[in-house]
Protein backbone atom coordinates (compact mmCIF):
# COMPACT_ATOMS: atom_id res chain seq x y z
CA UNK A 1 0.15 8.54 -58.74
CA UNK A 2 0.59 11.99 -58.88
CA UNK A 3 -1.79 14.85 -59.71
CA UNK A 4 -0.36 15.76 -62.70
CA UNK A 5 -2.00 12.38 -63.42
CA UNK A 6 -5.33 12.40 -61.32
CA UNK A 7 -6.17 16.07 -63.74
CA UNK A 8 -6.20 13.99 -66.93
CA UNK A 9 -9.14 11.57 -65.27
CA UNK A 10 -12.47 12.71 -65.58
CA UNK A 11 -14.05 10.94 -62.58
CA UNK A 12 -11.43 13.09 -60.53
CA UNK A 13 -12.30 16.08 -62.04
CA UNK A 14 -16.12 16.07 -61.58
CA UNK A 15 -15.42 14.75 -58.13
CA UNK A 16 -13.17 17.80 -57.73
CA UNK A 17 -16.16 20.20 -58.66
CA UNK A 18 -18.93 19.00 -56.55
CA UNK A 19 -16.57 19.21 -53.61
CA UNK A 20 -15.80 22.94 -52.53
CA UNK A 21 -14.56 22.39 -49.33
CA UNK A 22 -15.02 20.14 -46.01
CA UNK A 23 -15.99 21.62 -42.33
CA UNK A 24 -15.18 20.16 -39.48
CA UNK A 25 -17.25 20.28 -36.55
CA UNK A 26 -15.84 22.70 -33.97
CA UNK A 27 -14.74 20.81 -30.95
CA UNK A 28 -15.12 22.44 -27.47
CA UNK A 29 -11.74 21.46 -26.15
CA UNK A 30 -13.17 22.83 -22.55
CA UNK A 31 -16.08 20.60 -21.86
CA UNK A 32 -13.94 17.84 -22.91
CA UNK A 33 -10.95 18.51 -20.80
CA UNK A 34 -13.76 18.92 -17.80
CA UNK A 35 -15.41 15.87 -18.54
CA UNK A 36 -12.15 14.20 -18.89
CA UNK A 37 -11.01 15.83 -15.79
CA UNK A 38 -13.97 14.54 -13.61
CA UNK A 39 -13.93 10.73 -15.14
CA UNK A 40 -10.14 10.73 -13.88
CA UNK A 41 -10.88 12.15 -10.00
CA UNK A 42 -14.00 9.64 -10.38
CA UNK A 43 -11.86 6.50 -10.82
CA UNK A 44 -9.47 7.83 -8.48
CA UNK A 45 -12.04 8.00 -5.85
CA UNK A 46 -13.47 4.83 -6.88
CA UNK A 47 -9.79 3.03 -6.54
CA UNK A 48 -9.07 4.57 -3.28
CA UNK A 49 -12.47 3.31 -1.93
CA UNK A 50 -11.91 -0.19 -3.35
CA UNK A 51 -8.15 0.17 -1.70
CA UNK A 52 -9.91 0.84 1.42
CA UNK A 53 -12.24 -1.88 1.31
CA UNK A 54 -9.57 -4.43 0.27
CA UNK A 55 -7.32 -3.23 3.69
CA UNK A 56 -10.32 -3.75 6.03
CA UNK A 57 -11.06 -7.47 4.45
CA UNK A 58 -7.01 -7.76 4.85
CA UNK A 59 -6.77 -6.74 8.45
CA UNK A 60 -10.12 -8.77 9.13
CA UNK A 61 -8.64 -11.74 7.53
CA UNK A 62 -5.62 -11.37 9.71
CA UNK A 63 -7.76 -11.00 13.14
CA UNK A 64 -9.46 -14.16 11.84
CA UNK A 65 -6.48 -16.30 11.69
CA UNK A 66 -5.30 -15.05 14.89
CA UNK A 67 -8.88 -16.38 16.42
CA UNK A 68 -8.52 -19.72 14.46
CA UNK A 69 -4.59 -19.98 15.75
CA UNK A 70 -5.61 -19.62 19.04
CA UNK A 71 -9.39 -21.93 19.13
CA UNK A 72 -6.50 -24.34 17.92
CA UNK A 73 -3.91 -24.21 20.08
CA UNK A 74 -6.88 -24.37 23.00
CA UNK A 75 -8.17 -27.29 21.35
CA UNK A 76 -4.79 -29.05 21.33
CA UNK A 77 -4.62 -28.53 25.43
CA UNK A 78 -8.09 -29.80 25.48
CA UNK A 79 -7.15 -32.89 23.85
CA UNK A 80 -4.53 -33.26 25.93
CA UNK A 81 -6.20 -32.69 28.86
CA UNK A 82 -8.78 -35.35 28.45
CA UNK A 83 -6.12 -37.92 27.14
CA UNK A 84 -4.01 -37.90 30.63
CA UNK A 85 -7.87 -37.83 32.36
CA UNK A 86 -8.97 -40.64 30.29
CA UNK A 87 -5.58 -42.59 30.74
CA UNK A 88 -5.45 -41.80 34.60
CA UNK A 89 -9.42 -43.03 34.96
CA UNK A 90 -8.59 -46.48 33.31
CA UNK A 91 -5.40 -46.83 35.49
CA UNK A 92 -7.44 -46.31 38.30
CA UNK A 93 -10.38 -48.89 37.22
CA UNK A 94 -7.47 -51.26 36.72
CA UNK A 95 -6.24 -51.38 39.97
CA UNK A 96 -9.55 -51.54 41.60
CA UNK A 97 -9.83 -53.90 39.90
CA UNK A 98 -6.79 -55.76 40.93
CA UNK A 99 -7.42 -55.14 44.33
CA UNK A 100 -5.34 -52.58 45.27
CA UNK A 101 -5.96 -50.89 48.19
CA UNK A 102 -4.90 -47.41 49.42
CA UNK A 103 -2.21 -47.36 51.78
CA UNK A 104 -2.25 -45.60 55.37
CA UNK A 105 1.25 -45.99 56.60
CA UNK A 106 4.64 -46.97 54.99
CA UNK A 107 7.17 -49.03 57.10
CA UNK A 108 10.70 -48.84 55.46
CA UNK A 109 13.32 -51.89 56.24
CA UNK A 110 15.71 -51.20 58.56
CA UNK A 111 19.60 -52.34 57.79
CA UNK A 112 22.08 -52.67 60.24
CA UNK A 113 25.27 -51.45 59.99
CA UNK A 114 27.36 -54.75 59.58
CA UNK A 115 25.15 -56.42 57.23
CA UNK A 116 26.22 -54.14 54.20
CA UNK A 117 28.33 -56.36 51.63
CA UNK A 118 32.27 -55.25 51.91
CA UNK A 119 34.66 -55.01 48.76
CA UNK A 120 37.69 -56.46 49.00
């Protein structure tokens, strides 16, 4: 609809006579810019604080993983040592049960020079 058509409507003419002008509130842009700058500064500081906290947590997780790896290696060494000691104790126990004794001296068999077989 164009303004020429709207002028013929009585509702438009009545409403137009009642509204003289619309007053927009005055906006203090200085306060809005300062508030925006403070909000951005606050969120930037909060971001930096959280990144620092995340870095500290990441470093502690790395340290704990290294400690766990070291403890795991020590545990494997202890398991191997325990298995070896347990095996040796079983062997010594079986040797005692079989009646073996410690040797006092070792005597080797003497082979004469002419007693070795010769190939033809």
